[in-house]
Amino acid sequence: MNHHRPDLFEAQETEEALLHRRRTRRLLEERFERKRLEQELDYFSFMDEDESLDDEFDWNDASK
């Protein structure tokens, strides 16, 4: 760091802040995507369970 040129120091600090912000944003996006995929998996595993219930249930008999 060059303390003799405050503008250079500020530019370097700003770049570090920008990199930090980008890194943080990427981590948040990855976390969000992982949560979304987990919810999707939960949903589909629930659908699989639901379908197995359908197999055990006679829908024709229930409509009478």
PDB file of N, CA and C in Angstrom:
ATOM      1  N   MET A   1       0.826  -1.182   0.000  1.00  0.00           N
ATOM      2  CA  MET A   1       0.000   0.000   0.000  1.00  0.00           C
ATOM      3  C   MET A   1       0.869   1.243   0.000  1.00  0.00           C
ATOM      4  N   ASN A   2       0.432   2.199  -0.709  1.00  0.00           N
ATOM      5  CA  ASN A   2       1.185   3.436  -0.835  1.00  0.00           C
ATOM      6  C   ASN A   2       0.435   4.550  -0.106  1.00  0.00           C
ATOM      7  N   HIS A   3       0.935   4.944   1.069  1.00  0.00           N
ATOM      8  CA  HIS A   3       0.262   5.969   1.866  1.00  0.00           C
ATOM      9  C   HIS A   3       0.579   7.383   1.394  1.00  0.00           C
ATOM     10  N   HIS A   4       1.538   7.520   0.473  1.00  0.00           N
ATOM     11  CA  HIS A   4       1.882   8.840  -0.044  1.00  0.00           C
ATOM     12  C   HIS A   4       0.841   9.328  -1.044  1.00  0.00           C
ATOM     13  N   ARG A   5       0.132   8.392  -1.660  1.00  0.00           N
ATOM     14  CA  ARG A   5      -0.887   8.766  -2.648  1.00  0.00           C
ATOM     15  C   ARG A   5      -2.245   8.265  -2.166  1.00  0.00           C
ATOM     16  N   PRO A   6      -2.997   9.104  -1.455  1.00  0.00           N
ATOM     17  CA  PRO A   6      -4.281   8.665  -0.907  1.00  0.00           C
ATOM     18  C   PRO A   6      -5.254   8.172  -1.982  1.00  0.00           C
ATOM     19  N   ASP A   7      -5.212   8.776  -3.176  1.00  0.00           N
ATOM     20  CA  ASP A   7      -6.114   8.328  -4.241  1.00  0.00           C
ATOM     21  C   ASP A   7      -5.813   6.894  -4.647  1.00  0.00           C
ATOM     22  N   LEU A   8      -4.535   6.523  -4.672  1.00  0.00           N
ATOM     23  CA  LEU A   8      -4.141   5.163  -5.004  1.00  0.00           C
ATOM     24  C   LEU A   8      -4.591   4.203  -3.901  1.00  0.00           C
ATOM     25  N   PHE A   9      -4.407   4.643  -2.651  1.00  0.00           N
ATOM     26  CA  PHE A   9      -4.839   3.837  -1.505  1.00  0.00           C
ATOM     27  C   PHE A   9      -6.351   3.608  -1.556  1.00  0.00           C
ATOM     28  N   GLU A  10      -7.110   4.674  -1.841  1.00  0.00           N
ATOM     29  CA  GLU A  10      -8.568   4.555  -1.916  1.00  0.00           C
ATOM     30  C   GLU A  10      -8.987   3.638  -3.055  1.00  0.00           C
ATOM     31  N   ALA A  11      -8.292   3.733  -4.176  1.00  0.00           N
ATOM     32  CA  ALA A  11      -8.611   2.872  -5.311  1.00  0.00           C
ATOM     33  C   ALA A  11      -8.363   1.414  -4.952  1.00  0.00           C
ATOM     34  N   GLN A  12      -7.255   1.150  -4.256  1.00  0.00           N
ATOM     35  CA  GLN A  12      -6.942  -0.214  -3.866  1.00  0.00           C
ATOM     36  C   GLN A  12      -7.987  -0.721  -2.868  1.00  0.00           C
ATOM     37  N   GLU A  13      -8.360   0.124  -1.933  1.00  0.00           N
ATOM     38  CA  GLU A  13      -9.357  -0.237  -0.936  1.00  0.00           C
ATOM     39  C   GLU A  13     -10.705  -0.513  -1.613  1.00  0.00           C
ATOM     40  N   THR A  14     -11.046   0.324  -2.582  1.00  0.00           N
ATOM     41  CA  THR A  14     -12.297   0.151  -3.312  1.00  0.00           C
ATOM     42  C   THR A  14     -12.288  -1.168  -4.082  1.00  0.00           C
ATOM     43  N   GLU A  15     -11.160  -1.503  -4.689  1.00  0.00           N
ATOM     44  CA  GLU A  15     -11.065  -2.763  -5.425  1.00  0.00           C
ATOM     45  C   GLU A  15     -11.213  -3.949  -4.474  1.00  0.00           C
ATOM     46  N   GLU A  16     -10.598  -3.852  -3.300  1.00  0.00           N
ATOM     47  CA  GLU A  16     -10.741  -4.921  -2.300  1.00  0.00           C
ATOM     48  C   GLU A  16     -12.194  -5.060  -1.867  1.00  0.00           C
ATOM     49  N   ALA A  17     -12.860  -3.922  -1.681  1.00  0.00           N
ATOM     50  CA  ALA A  17     -14.276  -3.945  -1.293  1.00  0.00           C
ATOM     51  C   ALA A  17     -15.116  -4.563  -2.404  1.00  0.00           C
ATOM     52  N   LEU A  18     -14.795  -4.228  -3.637  1.00  0.00           N
ATOM     53  CA  LEU A  18     -15.515  -4.776  -4.783  1.00  0.00           C
ATOM     54  C   LEU A  18     -15.328  -6.297  -4.851  1.00  0.00           C
ATOM     55  N   LEU A  19     -14.088  -6.749  -4.692  1.00  0.00           N
ATOM     56  CA  LEU A  19     -13.824  -8.185  -4.704  1.00  0.00           C
ATOM     57  C   LEU A  19     -14.564  -8.885  -3.572  1.00  0.00           C
ATOM     58  N   HIS A  20     -14.560  -8.261  -2.401  1.00  0.00           N
ATOM     59  CA  HIS A  20     -15.271  -8.828  -1.260  1.00  0.00           C
ATOM     60  C   HIS A  20     -16.770  -8.921  -1.547  1.00  0.00           C
ATOM     61  N   ARG A  21     -17.322  -7.868  -2.129  1.00  0.00           N
ATOM     62  CA  ARG A  21     -18.748  -7.846  -2.447  1.00  0.00           C
ATOM     63  C   ARG A  21     -19.085  -8.925  -3.481  1.00  0.00           C
ATOM     64  N   ARG A  22     -18.241  -9.073  -4.501  1.00  0.00           N
ATOM     65  CA  ARG A  22     -18.469 -10.109  -5.515  1.00  0.00           C
ATOM     66  C   ARG A  22     -18.402 -11.500  -4.904  1.00  0.00           C
ATOM     67  N   ARG A  23     -17.402 -11.713  -4.049  1.00  0.00           N
ATOM     68  CA  ARG A  23     -17.243 -13.013  -3.404  1.00  0.00           C
ATOM     69  C   ARG A  23     -18.457 -13.318  -2.523  1.00  0.00           C
ATOM     70  N   THR A  24     -18.896 -12.313  -1.771  1.00  0.00           N
ATOM     71  CA  THR A  24     -20.057 -12.487  -0.899  1.00  0.00           C
ATOM     72  C   THR A  24     -21.302 -12.783  -1.724  1.00  0.00           C
ATOM     73  N   ARG A  25     -21.471 -12.044  -2.810  1.00  0.00           N
ATOM     74  CA  ARG A  25     -22.643 -12.263  -3.665  1.00  0.00           C
ATOM     75  C   ARG A  25     -22.636 -13.672  -4.252  1.00  0.00           C
ATOM     76  N   ARG A  26     -21.459 -14.126  -4.707  1.00  0.00           N
ATOM     77  CA  ARG A  26     -21.353 -15.472  -5.282  1.00  0.00           C
ATOM     78  C   ARG A  26     -21.710 -16.528  -4.234  1.00  0.00           C
ATOM     79  N   LEU A  27     -21.211 -16.346  -3.015  1.00  0.00           N
ATOM     80  CA  LEU A  27     -21.515 -17.299  -1.942  1.00  0.00           C
ATOM     81  C   LEU A  27     -23.011 -17.318  -1.624  1.00  0.00           C
ATOM     82  N   LEU A  28     -23.617 -16.136  -1.593  1.00  0.00           N
ATOM     83  CA  LEU A  28     -25.055 -16.072  -1.328  1.00  0.00           C
ATOM     84  C   LEU A  28     -25.854 -16.726  -2.456  1.00  0.00           C
ATOM     85  N   GLU A  29     -25.435 -16.481  -3.703  1.00  0.00           N
ATOM     86  CA  GLU A  29     -26.118 -17.107  -4.838  1.00  0.00           C
ATOM     87  C   GLU A  29     -25.988 -18.625  -4.784  1.00  0.00           C
ATOM     88  N   GLU A  30     -24.786 -19.109  -4.437  1.00  0.00           N
ATOM     89  CA  GLU A  30     -24.585 -20.555  -4.328  1.00  0.00           C
ATOM     90  C   GLU A  30     -25.445 -21.138  -3.218  1.00  0.00           C
ATOM     91  N   ARG A  31     -25.510 -20.428  -2.084  1.00  0.00           N
ATOM     92  CA  ARG A  31     -26.322 -20.903  -0.963  1.00  0.00           C
ATOM     93  C   ARG A  31     -27.795 -20.932  -1.351  1.00  0.00           C
ATOM     94  N   PHE A  32     -28.257 -19.890  -2.043  1.00  0.00           N
ATOM     95  CA  PHE A  32     -29.641 -19.816  -2.491  1.00  0.00           C
ATOM     96  C   PHE A  32     -29.953 -20.965  -3.449  1.00  0.00           C
ATOM     97  N   GLU A  33     -29.043 -21.200  -4.405  1.00  0.00           N
ATOM     98  CA  GLU A  33     -29.245 -22.275  -5.381  1.00  0.00           C
ATOM     99  C   GLU A  33     -29.276 -23.635  -4.702  1.00  0.00           C
ATOM    100  N   ARG A  34     -28.387 -23.834  -3.721  1.00  0.00           N
ATOM    101  CA  ARG A  34     -28.359 -25.102  -2.992  1.00  0.00           C
ATOM    102  C   ARG A  34     -29.672 -25.318  -2.236  1.00  0.00           C
ATOM    103  N   LYS A  35     -30.183 -24.257  -1.602  1.00  0.00           N
ATOM    104  CA  LYS A  35     -31.473 -24.346  -0.893  1.00  0.00           C
ATOM    105  C   LYS A  35     -32.593 -24.679  -1.871  1.00  0.00           C
ATOM    106  N   ARG A  36     -32.577 -24.027  -3.035  1.00  0.00           N
ATOM    107  CA  ARG A  36     -33.619 -24.269  -4.033  1.00  0.00           C
ATOM    108  C   ARG A  36     -33.596 -25.726  -4.491  1.00  0.00           C
ATOM    109  N   LEU A  37     -32.392 -26.245  -4.732  1.00  0.00           N
ATOM    110  CA  LEU A  37     -32.270 -27.630  -5.169  1.00  0.00           C
ATOM    111  C   LEU A  37     -32.705 -28.603  -4.074  1.00  0.00           C
ATOM    112  N   GLU A  38     -32.367 -28.280  -2.832  1.00  0.00           N
ATOM    113  CA  GLU A  38     -32.803 -29.138  -1.720  1.00  0.00           C
ATOM    114  C   GLU A  38     -34.324 -29.167  -1.635  1.00  0.00           C
ATOM    115  N   GLN A  39     -34.959 -28.011  -1.798  1.00  0.00           N
ATOM    116  CA  GLN A  39     -36.422 -27.958  -1.755  1.00  0.00           C
ATOM    117  C   GLN A  39     -37.021 -28.747  -2.916  1.00  0.00           C
ATOM    118  N   GLU A  40     -36.394 -28.641  -4.079  1.00  0.00           N
ATOM    119  CA  GLU A  40     -36.867 -29.380  -5.241  1.00  0.00           C
ATOM    120  C   GLU A  40     -36.767 -30.889  -4.985  1.00  0.00           C
ATOM    121  N   LEU A  41     -35.647 -31.312  -4.414  1.00  0.00           N
ATOM    122  CA  LEU A  41     -35.479 -32.727  -4.089  1.00  0.00           C
ATOM    123  C   LEU A  41     -36.519 -33.184  -3.072  1.00  0.00           C
ATOM    124  N   ASP A  42     -36.755 -32.367  -2.054  1.00  0.00           N
ATOM    125  CA  ASP A  42     -37.781 -32.693  -1.066  1.00  0.00           C
ATOM    126  C   ASP A  42     -39.134 -32.832  -1.732  1.00  0.00           C
ATOM    127  N   TYR A  43     -39.439 -31.929  -2.641  1.00  0.00           N
ATOM    128  CA  TYR A  43     -40.720 -31.951  -3.336  1.00  0.00           C
ATOM    129  C   TYR A  43     -40.873 -33.230  -4.149  1.00  0.00           C
ATOM    130  N   PHE A  44     -39.822 -33.576  -4.901  1.00  0.00           N
ATOM    131  CA  PHE A  44     -39.924 -34.767  -5.743  1.00  0.00           C
ATOM    132  C   PHE A  44     -39.933 -36.049  -4.921  1.00  0.00           C
ATOM    133  N   SER A  45     -39.219 -36.071  -3.810  1.00  0.00           N
ATOM    134  CA  SER A  45     -39.272 -37.264  -2.977  1.00  0.00           C
ATOM    135  C   SER A  45     -40.667 -37.378  -2.356  1.00  0.00           C
ATOM    136  N   PHE A  46     -41.291 -36.240  -2.045  1.00  0.00           N
ATOM    137  CA  PHE A  46     -42.665 -36.257  -1.554  1.00  0.00           C
ATOM    138  C   PHE A  46     -43.608 -36.769  -2.639  1.00  0.00           C
ATOM    139  N   MET A  47     -43.391 -36.320  -3.878  1.00  0.00           N
ATOM    140  CA  MET A  47     -44.226 -36.781  -4.991  1.00  0.00           C
ATOM    141  C   MET A  47     -44.091 -38.288  -5.161  1.00  0.00           C
ATOM    142  N   ASP A  48     -42.880 -38.809  -5.021  1.00  0.00           N
ATOM    143  CA  ASP A  48     -42.677 -40.255  -5.128  1.00  0.00           C
ATOM    144  C   ASP A  48     -43.466 -40.986  -4.046  1.00  0.00           C
ATOM    145  N   GLU A  49     -43.431 -40.458  -2.820  1.00  0.00           N
ATOM    146  CA  GLU A  49     -44.198 -41.067  -1.734  1.00  0.00           C
ATOM    147  C   GLU A  49     -45.681 -40.986  -2.038  1.00  0.00           C
ATOM    148  N   ASP A  50     -46.110 -39.858  -2.575  1.00  0.00           N
ATOM    149  CA  ASP A  50     -47.512 -39.640  -2.896  1.00  0.00           C
ATOM    150  C   ASP A  50     -47.974 -40.637  -3.961  1.00  0.00           C
ATOM    151  N   GLU A  51     -47.142 -40.867  -4.961  1.00  0.00           N
ATOM    152  CA  GLU A  51     -47.496 -41.820  -6.015  1.00  0.00           C
ATOM    153  C   GLU A  51     -47.619 -43.227  -5.462  1.00  0.00           C
ATOM    154  N   SER A  52     -46.776 -43.587  -4.511  1.00  0.00           N
ATOM    155  CA  SER A  52     -46.873 -44.925  -3.945  1.00  0.00           C
ATOM    156  C   SER A  52     -48.182 -45.064  -3.174  1.00  0.00           C
ATOM    157  N   LEU A  53     -48.677 -43.974  -2.593  1.00  0.00           N
ATOM    158  CA  LEU A  53     -49.978 -44.012  -1.935  1.00  0.00           C
ATOM    159  C   LEU A  53     -51.080 -44.203  -2.972  1.00  0.00           C
ATOM    160  N   ASP A  54     -50.922 -43.550  -4.125  1.00  0.00           N
ATOM    161  CA  ASP A  54     -51.907 -43.708  -5.197  1.00  0.00           C
ATOM    162  C   ASP A  54     -52.013 -45.164  -5.632  1.00  0.00           C
ATOM    163  N   ASP A  55     -50.897 -45.855  -5.672  1.00  0.00           N
ATOM    164  CA  ASP A  55     -50.896 -47.254  -6.086  1.00  0.00           C
ATOM    165  C   ASP A  55     -51.684 -48.129  -5.111  1.00  0.00           C
ATOM    166  N   GLU A  56     -51.664 -47.748  -3.852  1.00  0.00           N
ATOM    167  CA  GLU A  56     -52.352 -48.543  -2.827  1.00  0.00           C
ATOM    168  C   GLU A  56     -53.838 -48.209  -2.759  1.00  0.00           C
ATOM    169  N   PHE A  57     -54.242 -47.085  -3.343  1.00  0.00           N
ATOM    170  CA  PHE A  57     -55.606 -46.602  -3.215  1.00  0.00           C
ATOM    171  C   PHE A  57     -56.383 -46.902  -4.489  1.00  0.00           C
ATOM    172  N   ASP A  58     -57.516 -47.495  -4.365  1.00  0.00           N
ATOM    173  CA  ASP A  58     -58.350 -47.794  -5.527  1.00  0.00           C
ATOM    174  C   ASP A  58     -59.278 -46.611  -5.786  1.00  0.00           C
ATOM    175  N   TRP A  59     -58.906 -45.782  -6.769  1.00  0.00           N
ATOM    176  CA  TRP A  59     -59.662 -44.559  -7.043  1.00  0.00           C
ATOM    177  C   TRP A  59     -61.059 -44.872  -7.574  1.00  0.00           C
ATOM    178  N   ASN A  60     -61.227 -45.969  -8.276  1.00  0.00           N
ATOM    179  CA  ASN A  60     -62.543 -46.330  -8.801  1.00  0.00           C
ATOM    180  C   ASN A  60     -63.502 -46.657  -7.670  1.00  0.00           C
ATOM    181  N   ASP A  61     -62.978 -47.316  -6.654  1.00  0.00           N
ATOM    182  CA  ASP A  61     -63.795 -47.693  -5.504  1.00  0.00           C
ATOM    183  C   ASP A  61     -64.227 -46.443  -4.721  1.00  0.00           C
ATOM    184  N   ALA A  62     -63.386 -45.436  -4.665  1.00  0.00           N
ATOM    185  CA  ALA A  62     -63.659 -44.230  -3.882  1.00  0.00           C
ATOM    186  C   ALA A  62     -64.722 -43.360  -4.541  1.00  0.00           C
ATOM    187  N   SER A  63     -64.923 -43.475  -5.836  1.00  0.00           N
ATOM    188  CA  SER A  63     -65.868 -42.611  -6.534  1.00  0.00           C
ATOM    189  C   SER A  63     -67.313 -43.089  -6.350  1.00  0.00           C
ATOM    190  N   LYS A  64     -67.506 -44.260  -5.781  1.00  0.00           N
ATOM    191  CA  LYS A  64     -68.870 -44.802  -5.591  1.00  0.00           C
ATOM    192  C   LYS A  64     -69.563 -44.181  -4.405  1.00  0.00           C
TER     193      LYS A  64
END
